[in-house]
Amino acid sequence: MLALPFQLPSVYELVLLLLLLIIGIALIILVVKILLFILPAAIIAIVVWLLTGSPFWAGVAFLVAALISLLKR
């Protein structure tokens, strides 16, 4: 019989690999959804900050834009 230079993984290792792969993909999807939710509010906050120079009003604009985005969904 031919000897392989590597060992084949067991069934448990394959199941664990599949489980970790599913968890990793789910986390990536979650992070992308959060970034897409925050992005419009962040852009509005940056524009307000550039126009006013006030971090307070930029924060207010971010919260209002995030609230509108949340209510829109």
PDB file of N, CA and C in Angstrom:
ATOM      1  N   MET A   1       0.837  -1.170   0.000  1.00  0.00           N
ATOM      2  CA  MET A   1       0.000   0.000   0.000  1.00  0.00           C
ATOM      3  C   MET A   1       0.889   1.242   0.000  1.00  0.00           C
ATOM      4  N   LEU A   2       0.428   2.283  -0.664  1.00  0.00           N
ATOM      5  CA  LEU A   2       1.183   3.528  -0.801  1.00  0.00           C
ATOM      6  C   LEU A   2       1.065   4.356   0.477  1.00  0.00           C
ATOM      7  N   ALA A   3       2.177   4.795   1.037  1.00  0.00           N
ATOM      8  CA  ALA A   3       2.165   5.603   2.259  1.00  0.00           C
ATOM      9  C   ALA A   3       2.029   7.076   1.876  1.00  0.00           C
ATOM     10  N   LEU A   4       1.065   7.737   2.479  1.00  0.00           N
ATOM     11  CA  LEU A   4       0.840   9.160   2.207  1.00  0.00           C
ATOM     12  C   LEU A   4       1.758  10.003   3.092  1.00  0.00           C
ATOM     13  N   PRO A   5       2.267  11.115   2.576  1.00  0.00           N
ATOM     14  CA  PRO A   5       3.133  11.966   3.396  1.00  0.00           C
ATOM     15  C   PRO A   5       2.353  12.831   4.390  1.00  0.00           C
ATOM     16  N   PHE A   6       1.050  12.728   4.389  1.00  0.00           N
ATOM     17  CA  PHE A   6       0.216  13.492   5.328  1.00  0.00           C
ATOM     18  C   PHE A   6      -0.875  12.587   5.863  1.00  0.00           C
ATOM     19  N   GLN A   7      -1.488  13.049   6.945  1.00  0.00           N
ATOM     20  CA  GLN A   7      -2.558  12.268   7.553  1.00  0.00           C
ATOM     21  C   GLN A   7      -3.895  12.866   7.151  1.00  0.00           C
ATOM     22  N   LEU A   8      -4.851  12.043   6.822  1.00  0.00           N
ATOM     23  CA  LEU A   8      -6.180  12.531   6.473  1.00  0.00           C
ATOM     24  C   LEU A   8      -6.898  12.975   7.739  1.00  0.00           C
ATOM     25  N   PRO A   9      -7.637  14.090   7.676  1.00  0.00           N
ATOM     26  CA  PRO A   9      -8.346  14.562   8.877  1.00  0.00           C
ATOM     27  C   PRO A   9      -9.508  13.643   9.238  1.00  0.00           C
ATOM     28  N   SER A  10      -9.807  13.610  10.519  1.00  0.00           N
ATOM     29  CA  SER A  10     -10.917  12.779  10.971  1.00  0.00           C
ATOM     30  C   SER A  10     -12.239  13.500  10.697  1.00  0.00           C
ATOM     31  N   VAL A  11     -13.314  12.778  10.884  1.00  0.00           N
ATOM     32  CA  VAL A  11     -14.646  13.333  10.649  1.00  0.00           C
ATOM     33  C   VAL A  11     -14.912  14.493  11.614  1.00  0.00           C
ATOM     34  N   TYR A  12     -14.465  14.355  12.851  1.00  0.00           N
ATOM     35  CA  TYR A  12     -14.692  15.415  13.839  1.00  0.00           C
ATOM     36  C   TYR A  12     -13.968  16.700  13.447  1.00  0.00           C
ATOM     37  N   GLU A  13     -12.763  16.564  12.918  1.00  0.00           N
ATOM     38  CA  GLU A  13     -12.019  17.745  12.480  1.00  0.00           C
ATOM     39  C   GLU A  13     -12.708  18.420  11.299  1.00  0.00           C
ATOM     40  N   LEU A  14     -13.261  17.626  10.398  1.00  0.00           N
ATOM     41  CA  LEU A  14     -13.976  18.198   9.256  1.00  0.00           C
ATOM     42  C   LEU A  14     -15.253  18.902   9.683  1.00  0.00           C
ATOM     43  N   VAL A  15     -15.970  18.322  10.637  1.00  0.00           N
ATOM     44  CA  VAL A  15     -17.192  18.958  11.149  1.00  0.00           C
ATOM     45  C   VAL A  15     -16.845  20.258  11.872  1.00  0.00           C
ATOM     46  N   LEU A  16     -15.783  20.237  12.666  1.00  0.00           N
ATOM     47  CA  LEU A  16     -15.357  21.449  13.364  1.00  0.00           C
ATOM     48  C   LEU A  16     -14.911  22.522  12.373  1.00  0.00           C
ATOM     49  N   LEU A  17     -14.206  22.142  11.341  1.00  0.00           N
ATOM     50  CA  LEU A  17     -13.781  23.081  10.311  1.00  0.00           C
ATOM     51  C   LEU A  17     -14.988  23.702   9.622  1.00  0.00           C
ATOM     52  N   LEU A  18     -15.978  22.893   9.285  1.00  0.00           N
ATOM     53  CA  LEU A  18     -17.190  23.399   8.649  1.00  0.00           C
ATOM     54  C   LEU A  18     -17.940  24.346   9.579  1.00  0.00           C
ATOM     55  N   LEU A  19     -18.035  23.995  10.847  1.00  0.00           N
ATOM     56  CA  LEU A  19     -18.716  24.842  11.825  1.00  0.00           C
ATOM     57  C   LEU A  19     -18.001  26.194  11.975  1.00  0.00           C
ATOM     58  N   LEU A  20     -16.686  26.165  12.084  1.00  0.00           N
ATOM     59  CA  LEU A  20     -15.929  27.408  12.207  1.00  0.00           C
ATOM     60  C   LEU A  20     -16.019  28.246  10.935  1.00  0.00           C
ATOM     61  N   LEU A  21     -16.071  27.612   9.799  1.00  0.00           N
ATOM     62  CA  LEU A  21     -16.223  28.327   8.535  1.00  0.00           C
ATOM     63  C   LEU A  21     -17.576  29.034   8.473  1.00  0.00           C
ATOM     64  N   ILE A  22     -18.633  28.364   8.900  1.00  0.00           N
ATOM     65  CA  ILE A  22     -19.972  28.968   8.920  1.00  0.00           C
ATOM     66  C   ILE A  22     -20.010  30.147   9.885  1.00  0.00           C
ATOM     67  N   ILE A  23     -19.419  29.993  11.068  1.00  0.00           N
ATOM     68  CA  ILE A  23     -19.381  31.085  12.044  1.00  0.00           C
ATOM     69  C   ILE A  23     -18.591  32.266  11.488  1.00  0.00           C
ATOM     70  N   GLY A  24     -17.472  32.006  10.836  1.00  0.00           N
ATOM     71  CA  GLY A  24     -16.658  33.075  10.258  1.00  0.00           C
ATOM     72  C   GLY A  24     -17.398  33.840   9.178  1.00  0.00           C
ATOM     73  N   ILE A  25     -18.088  33.129   8.295  1.00  0.00           N
ATOM     74  CA  ILE A  25     -18.850  33.788   7.236  1.00  0.00           C
ATOM     75  C   ILE A  25     -19.993  34.604   7.824  1.00  0.00           C
ATOM     76  N   ALA A  26     -20.656  34.082   8.855  1.00  0.00           N
ATOM     77  CA  ALA A  26     -21.743  34.815   9.503  1.00  0.00           C
ATOM     78  C   ALA A  26     -21.218  36.093  10.152  1.00  0.00           C
ATOM     79  N   LEU A  27     -20.050  36.030  10.775  1.00  0.00           N
ATOM     80  CA  LEU A  27     -19.474  37.232  11.384  1.00  0.00           C
ATOM     81  C   LEU A  27     -19.099  38.271  10.339  1.00  0.00           C
ATOM     82  N   ILE A  28     -18.559  37.834   9.217  1.00  0.00           N
ATOM     83  CA  ILE A  28     -18.214  38.767   8.144  1.00  0.00           C
ATOM     84  C   ILE A  28     -19.465  39.445   7.604  1.00  0.00           C
ATOM     85  N   ILE A  29     -20.523  38.684   7.406  1.00  0.00           N
ATOM     86  CA  ILE A  29     -21.781  39.258   6.923  1.00  0.00           C
ATOM     87  C   ILE A  29     -22.338  40.258   7.934  1.00  0.00           C
ATOM     88  N   LEU A  30     -22.252  39.934   9.215  1.00  0.00           N
ATOM     89  CA  LEU A  30     -22.737  40.837  10.258  1.00  0.00           C
ATOM     90  C   LEU A  30     -21.953  42.141  10.278  1.00  0.00           C
ATOM     91  N   VAL A  31     -20.640  42.062  10.165  1.00  0.00           N
ATOM     92  CA  VAL A  31     -19.807  43.269  10.158  1.00  0.00           C
ATOM     93  C   VAL A  31     -20.121  44.136   8.943  1.00  0.00           C
ATOM     94  N   VAL A  32     -20.301  43.524   7.787  1.00  0.00           N
ATOM     95  CA  VAL A  32     -20.625  44.290   6.573  1.00  0.00           C
ATOM     96  C   VAL A  32     -21.981  44.972   6.715  1.00  0.00           C
ATOM     97  N   LYS A  33     -22.964  44.283   7.285  1.00  0.00           N
ATOM     98  CA  LYS A  33     -24.280  44.895   7.485  1.00  0.00           C
ATOM     99  C   LYS A  33     -24.199  46.078   8.451  1.00  0.00           C
ATOM    100  N   ILE A  34     -23.421  45.940   9.507  1.00  0.00           N
ATOM    101  CA  ILE A  34     -23.266  47.038  10.462  1.00  0.00           C
ATOM    102  C   ILE A  34     -22.582  48.225   9.794  1.00  0.00           C
ATOM    103  N   LEU A  35     -21.540  47.965   9.006  1.00  0.00           N
ATOM    104  CA  LEU A  35     -20.853  49.057   8.316  1.00  0.00           C
ATOM    105  C   LEU A  35     -21.767  49.751   7.319  1.00  0.00           C
ATOM    106  N   LEU A  36     -22.584  48.995   6.605  1.00  0.00           N
ATOM    107  CA  LEU A  36     -23.516  49.611   5.663  1.00  0.00           C
ATOM    108  C   LEU A  36     -24.596  50.402   6.384  1.00  0.00           C
ATOM    109  N   PHE A  37     -24.921  50.012   7.610  1.00  0.00           N
ATOM    110  CA  PHE A  37     -25.901  50.761   8.399  1.00  0.00           C
ATOM    111  C   PHE A  37     -25.304  52.070   8.904  1.00  0.00           C
ATOM    112  N   ILE A  38     -24.041  52.058   9.300  1.00  0.00           N
ATOM    113  CA  ILE A  38     -23.393  53.227   9.903  1.00  0.00           C
ATOM    114  C   ILE A  38     -22.858  54.200   8.857  1.00  0.00           C
ATOM    115  N   LEU A  39     -22.532  53.722   7.664  1.00  0.00           N
ATOM    116  CA  LEU A  39     -21.864  54.543   6.661  1.00  0.00           C
ATOM    117  C   LEU A  39     -22.606  55.829   6.297  1.00  0.00           C
ATOM    118  N   PRO A  40     -23.897  55.810   5.989  1.00  0.00           N
ATOM    119  CA  PRO A  40     -24.566  57.076   5.650  1.00  0.00           C
ATOM    120  C   PRO A  40     -24.538  58.085   6.809  1.00  0.00           C
ATOM    121  N   ALA A  41     -24.755  57.602   8.018  1.00  0.00           N
ATOM    122  CA  ALA A  41     -24.737  58.490   9.181  1.00  0.00           C
ATOM    123  C   ALA A  41     -23.338  59.065   9.396  1.00  0.00           C
ATOM    124  N   ALA A  42     -22.318  58.263   9.166  1.00  0.00           N
ATOM    125  CA  ALA A  42     -20.945  58.742   9.331  1.00  0.00           C
ATOM    126  C   ALA A  42     -20.601  59.799   8.290  1.00  0.00           C
ATOM    127  N   ILE A  43     -21.046  59.587   7.066  1.00  0.00           N
ATOM    128  CA  ILE A  43     -20.785  60.584   6.018  1.00  0.00           C
ATOM    129  C   ILE A  43     -21.465  61.904   6.355  1.00  0.00           C
ATOM    130  N   ILE A  44     -22.696  61.850   6.817  1.00  0.00           N
ATOM    131  CA  ILE A  44     -23.409  63.071   7.207  1.00  0.00           C
ATOM    132  C   ILE A  44     -22.705  63.748   8.371  1.00  0.00           C
ATOM    133  N   ALA A  45     -22.253  62.970   9.347  1.00  0.00           N
ATOM    134  CA  ALA A  45     -21.556  63.544  10.496  1.00  0.00           C
ATOM    135  C   ALA A  45     -20.237  64.203  10.079  1.00  0.00           C
ATOM    136  N   ILE A  46     -19.521  63.585   9.150  1.00  0.00           N
ATOM    137  CA  ILE A  46     -18.264  64.179   8.679  1.00  0.00           C
ATOM    138  C   ILE A  46     -18.528  65.490   7.947  1.00  0.00           C
ATOM    139  N   VAL A  47     -19.567  65.538   7.129  1.00  0.00           N
ATOM    140  CA  VAL A  47     -19.905  66.783   6.420  1.00  0.00           C
ATOM    141  C   VAL A  47     -20.289  67.871   7.414  1.00  0.00           C
ATOM    142  N   VAL A  48     -21.089  67.532   8.410  1.00  0.00           N
ATOM    143  CA  VAL A  48     -21.484  68.522   9.426  1.00  0.00           C
ATOM    144  C   VAL A  48     -20.264  68.997  10.204  1.00  0.00           C
ATOM    145  N   TRP A  49     -19.369  68.087  10.542  1.00  0.00           N
ATOM    146  CA  TRP A  49     -18.168  68.469  11.271  1.00  0.00           C
ATOM    147  C   TRP A  49     -17.278  69.390  10.429  1.00  0.00           C
ATOM    148  N   LEU A  50     -17.153  69.088   9.127  1.00  0.00           N
ATOM    149  CA  LEU A  50     -16.351  69.944   8.251  1.00  0.00           C
ATOM    150  C   LEU A  50     -16.970  71.329   8.092  1.00  0.00           C
ATOM    151  N   LEU A  51     -18.301  71.398   8.068  1.00  0.00           N
ATOM    152  CA  LEU A  51     -18.970  72.690   7.899  1.00  0.00           C
ATOM    153  C   LEU A  51     -18.987  73.516   9.178  1.00  0.00           C
ATOM    154  N   THR A  52     -19.191  72.864  10.320  1.00  0.00           N
ATOM    155  CA  THR A  52     -19.331  73.606  11.577  1.00  0.00           C
ATOM    156  C   THR A  52     -18.072  73.579  12.425  1.00  0.00           C
ATOM    157  N   GLY A  53     -17.287  72.536  12.327  1.00  0.00           N
ATOM    158  CA  GLY A  53     -16.109  72.390  13.174  1.00  0.00           C
ATOM    159  C   GLY A  53     -16.444  71.938  14.585  1.00  0.00           C
ATOM    160  N   SER A  54     -17.699  71.589  14.810  1.00  0.00           N
ATOM    161  CA  SER A  54     -18.144  71.212  16.150  1.00  0.00           C
ATOM    162  C   SER A  54     -18.367  69.702  16.237  1.00  0.00           C
ATOM    163  N   PRO A  55     -17.644  69.038  17.134  1.00  0.00           N
ATOM    164  CA  PRO A  55     -17.892  67.603  17.317  1.00  0.00           C
ATOM    165  C   PRO A  55     -19.277  67.322  17.905  1.00  0.00           C
ATOM    166  N   PHE A  56     -19.799  68.282  18.679  1.00  0.00           N
ATOM    167  CA  PHE A  56     -21.131  68.111  19.260  1.00  0.00           C
ATOM    168  C   PHE A  56     -22.193  67.992  18.170  1.00  0.00           C
ATOM    169  N   TRP A  57     -22.185  68.946  17.227  1.00  0.00           N
ATOM    170  CA  TRP A  57     -23.188  68.924  16.160  1.00  0.00           C
ATOM    171  C   TRP A  57     -22.966  67.755  15.212  1.00  0.00           C
ATOM    172  N   ALA A  58     -21.721  67.345  15.041  1.00  0.00           N
ATOM    173  CA  ALA A  58     -21.442  66.163  14.225  1.00  0.00           C
ATOM    174  C   ALA A  58     -22.035  64.922  14.895  1.00  0.00           C
ATOM    175  N   GLY A  59     -21.912  64.828  16.208  1.00  0.00           N
ATOM    176  CA  GLY A  59     -22.502  63.710  16.946  1.00  0.00           C
ATOM    177  C   GLY A  59     -24.010  63.710  16.878  1.00  0.00           C
ATOM    178  N   VAL A  60     -24.605  64.898  16.992  1.00  0.00           N
ATOM    179  CA  VAL A  60     -26.062  65.008  16.887  1.00  0.00           C
ATOM    180  C   VAL A  60     -26.518  64.588  15.492  1.00  0.00           C
ATOM    181  N   ALA A  61     -25.794  65.045  14.475  1.00  0.00           N
ATOM    182  CA  ALA A  61     -26.151  64.674  13.099  1.00  0.00           C
ATOM    183  C   ALA A  61     -26.015  63.161  12.891  1.00  0.00           C
ATOM    184  N   PHE A  62     -24.970  62.568  13.467  1.00  0.00           N
ATOM    185  CA  PHE A  62     -24.793  61.118  13.357  1.00  0.00           C
ATOM    186  C   PHE A  62     -25.955  60.382  14.003  1.00  0.00           C
ATOM    187  N   LEU A  63     -26.333  60.796  15.204  1.00  0.00           N
ATOM    188  CA  LEU A  63     -27.431  60.120  15.903  1.00  0.00           C
ATOM    189  C   LEU A  63     -28.751  60.272  15.164  1.00  0.00           C
ATOM    190  N   VAL A  64     -29.016  61.465  14.643  1.00  0.00           N
ATOM    191  CA  VAL A  64     -30.267  61.692  13.917  1.00  0.00           C
ATOM    192  C   VAL A  64     -30.290  60.864  12.635  1.00  0.00           C
ATOM    193  N   ALA A  65     -29.183  60.859  11.901  1.00  0.00           N
ATOM    194  CA  ALA A  65     -29.131  60.079  10.660  1.00  0.00           C
ATOM    195  C   ALA A  65     -29.245  58.578  10.952  1.00  0.00           C
ATOM    196  N   ALA A  66     -28.624  58.120  12.021  1.00  0.00           N
ATOM    197  CA  ALA A  66     -28.727  56.707  12.382  1.00  0.00           C
ATOM    198  C   ALA A  66     -30.153  56.358  12.801  1.00  0.00           C
ATOM    199  N   LEU A  67     -30.807  57.253  13.520  1.00  0.00           N
ATOM    200  CA  LEU A  67     -32.193  57.019  13.936  1.00  0.00           C
ATOM    201  C   LEU A  67     -33.119  56.973  12.731  1.00  0.00           C
ATOM    202  N   ILE A  68     -32.930  57.903  11.793  1.00  0.00           N
ATOM    203  CA  ILE A  68     -33.752  57.896  10.576  1.00  0.00           C
ATOM    204  C   ILE A  68     -33.509  56.610   9.785  1.00  0.00           C
ATOM    205  N   SER A  69     -32.259  56.192   9.690  1.00  0.00           N
ATOM    206  CA  SER A  69     -31.937  54.956   8.977  1.00  0.00           C
ATOM    207  C   SER A  69     -32.558  53.748   9.668  1.00  0.00           C
ATOM    208  N   LEU A  70     -32.576  53.768  10.991  1.00  0.00           N
ATOM    209  CA  LEU A  70     -33.169  52.665  11.747  1.00  0.00           C
ATOM    210  C   LEU A  70     -34.691  52.635  11.578  1.00  0.00           C
ATOM    211  N   LEU A  71     -35.325  53.808  11.596  1.00  0.00           N
ATOM    212  CA  LEU A  71     -36.773  53.868  11.443  1.00  0.00           C
ATOM    213  C   LEU A  71     -37.205  53.540  10.016  1.00  0.00           C
ATOM    214  N   LYS A  72     -36.336  53.824   9.056  1.00  0.00           N
ATOM    215  CA  LYS A  72     -36.648  53.531   7.658  1.00  0.00           C
ATOM    216  C   LYS A  72     -36.727  52.042   7.388  1.00  0.00           C
ATOM    217  N   ARG A  73     -35.978  51.263   8.140  1.00  0.00           N
ATOM    218  CA  ARG A  73     -35.973  49.810   7.952  1.00  0.00           C
ATOM    219  C   ARG A  73     -37.149  49.237   8.635  1.00  0.00           C
TER     220      ARG A  73
END
